[in-house]
């Protein structure tokens, strides 16, 4: 099993655990353009696809800003929406 799989399978894991900036694992994966990790996180129970950082940036908005088209497609297909305002 890979590292992401082990982490997601760990007892009591919080897939939405955020850094002090509000960046979740999904946000970090989207920021870095890691399509495979984004897919795994999107399949995790309870993932909050539109959870924003403290500055309002979401996984979708950062994927758009950084030009990660494949990540953007995965997020949109999973129901991600752009923040309003």
Protein backbone atom coordinates (compact mmCIF):
# COMPACT_ATOMS: atom_id res chain seq x y z
CA UNK A 1 0.00 0.00 0.00
CA UNK A 2 1.27 3.49 -0.80
CA UNK A 3 1.73 6.37 1.65
CA UNK A 4 -1.54 8.10 0.75
CA UNK A 5 -3.43 4.83 1.12
CA UNK A 6 -1.87 4.18 4.53
CA UNK A 7 -2.70 7.65 5.75
CA UNK A 8 -6.30 7.43 4.55
CA UNK A 9 -6.69 4.00 6.16
CA UNK A 10 -5.31 5.12 9.54
CA UNK A 11 -7.79 4.91 12.42
CA UNK A 12 -9.34 8.28 13.26
CA UNK A 13 -7.88 10.06 10.23
CA UNK A 14 -9.39 13.47 9.49
CA UNK A 15 -9.20 13.92 5.72
CA UNK A 16 -10.06 17.61 6.21
CA UNK A 17 -7.38 18.35 8.83
CA UNK A 18 -6.14 21.83 7.97
CA UNK A 19 -2.90 23.68 8.57
CA UNK A 20 -3.03 27.00 10.42
CA UNK A 21 -3.59 28.64 6.99
CA UNK A 22 -6.65 26.47 6.45
CA UNK A 23 -4.96 24.39 3.74
CA UNK A 24 -6.38 20.87 3.72
CA UNK A 25 -4.71 17.83 2.14
CA UNK A 26 -6.97 18.30 -0.90
CA UNK A 27 -5.90 21.94 -1.22
CA UNK A 28 -2.21 21.01 -1.00
CA UNK A 29 -2.60 18.26 -3.60
CA UNK A 30 -4.46 20.66 -5.92
CA UNK A 31 -1.82 23.36 -5.38
CA UNK A 32 0.93 20.96 -6.39
CA UNK A 33 -0.98 19.45 -9.32
CA UNK A 34 -0.98 15.90 -7.94
CA UNK A 35 -3.88 14.46 -9.91
CA UNK A 36 -3.58 10.96 -8.44
CA UNK A 37 -3.61 12.24 -4.86
CA UNK A 38 -6.56 14.54 -5.64
CA UNK A 39 -8.47 11.51 -7.00
CA UNK A 40 -7.73 9.48 -3.86
CA UNK A 41 -8.79 12.32 -1.57
CA UNK A 42 -11.98 12.93 -3.54
CA UNK A 43 -12.90 9.28 -2.98
CA UNK A 44 -12.32 9.54 0.78
CA UNK A 45 -15.45 9.58 2.95
CA UNK A 46 -16.28 13.01 4.32
CA UNK A 47 -13.88 15.06 2.19
CA UNK A 48 -14.97 18.70 2.01
CA UNK A 49 -14.32 19.53 -1.64
CA UNK A 50 -14.94 23.28 -1.35
CA UNK A 51 -13.29 23.89 2.03
CA UNK A 52 -11.43 27.18 1.72
CA UNK A 53 -8.20 28.40 3.27
CA UNK A 54 -8.36 31.35 5.63
CA UNK A 55 -7.79 33.66 2.63
CA UNK A 56 -10.79 32.18 0.77
CA UNK A 57 -8.81 30.09 -1.75
CA UNK A 58 -10.33 26.67 -2.47
CA UNK A 59 -8.80 23.59 -4.07
CA UNK A 60 -10.52 24.52 -7.34
CA UNK A 61 -9.44 28.16 -7.27
CA UNK A 62 -5.80 27.23 -6.65
CA UNK A 63 -5.84 24.59 -9.39
CA UNK A 64 -7.17 27.24 -11.78
CA UNK A 65 -4.62 29.84 -10.65
CA UNK A 66 -1.70 27.44 -11.05
CA UNK A 67 -2.85 26.06 -14.41
CA UNK A 68 -3.45 22.47 -13.26
CA UNK A 69 -6.11 21.62 -15.85
CA UNK A 70 -6.34 17.90 -15.01
CA UNK A 71 -6.81 18.68 -11.32
CA UNK A 72 -9.43 21.28 -12.24
CA UNK A 73 -11.31 18.70 -14.32
CA UNK A 74 -11.29 16.14 -11.49
CA UNK A 75 -12.50 18.71 -8.97
CA UNK A 76 -15.29 19.99 -11.21
CA UNK A 77 -16.40 16.43 -12.05
CA UNK A 78 -16.64 15.78 -8.29
CA UNK A 79 -18.83 18.87 -7.81
CA UNK A 80 -16.36 21.57 -6.81
CA UNK A 81 -17.56 25.12 -7.28
CA UNK A 82 -15.72 28.41 -7.50
CA UNK A 83 -16.03 30.72 -4.51
CA UNK A 84 -18.41 33.65 -4.89
CA UNK A 85 -17.07 37.11 -4.24
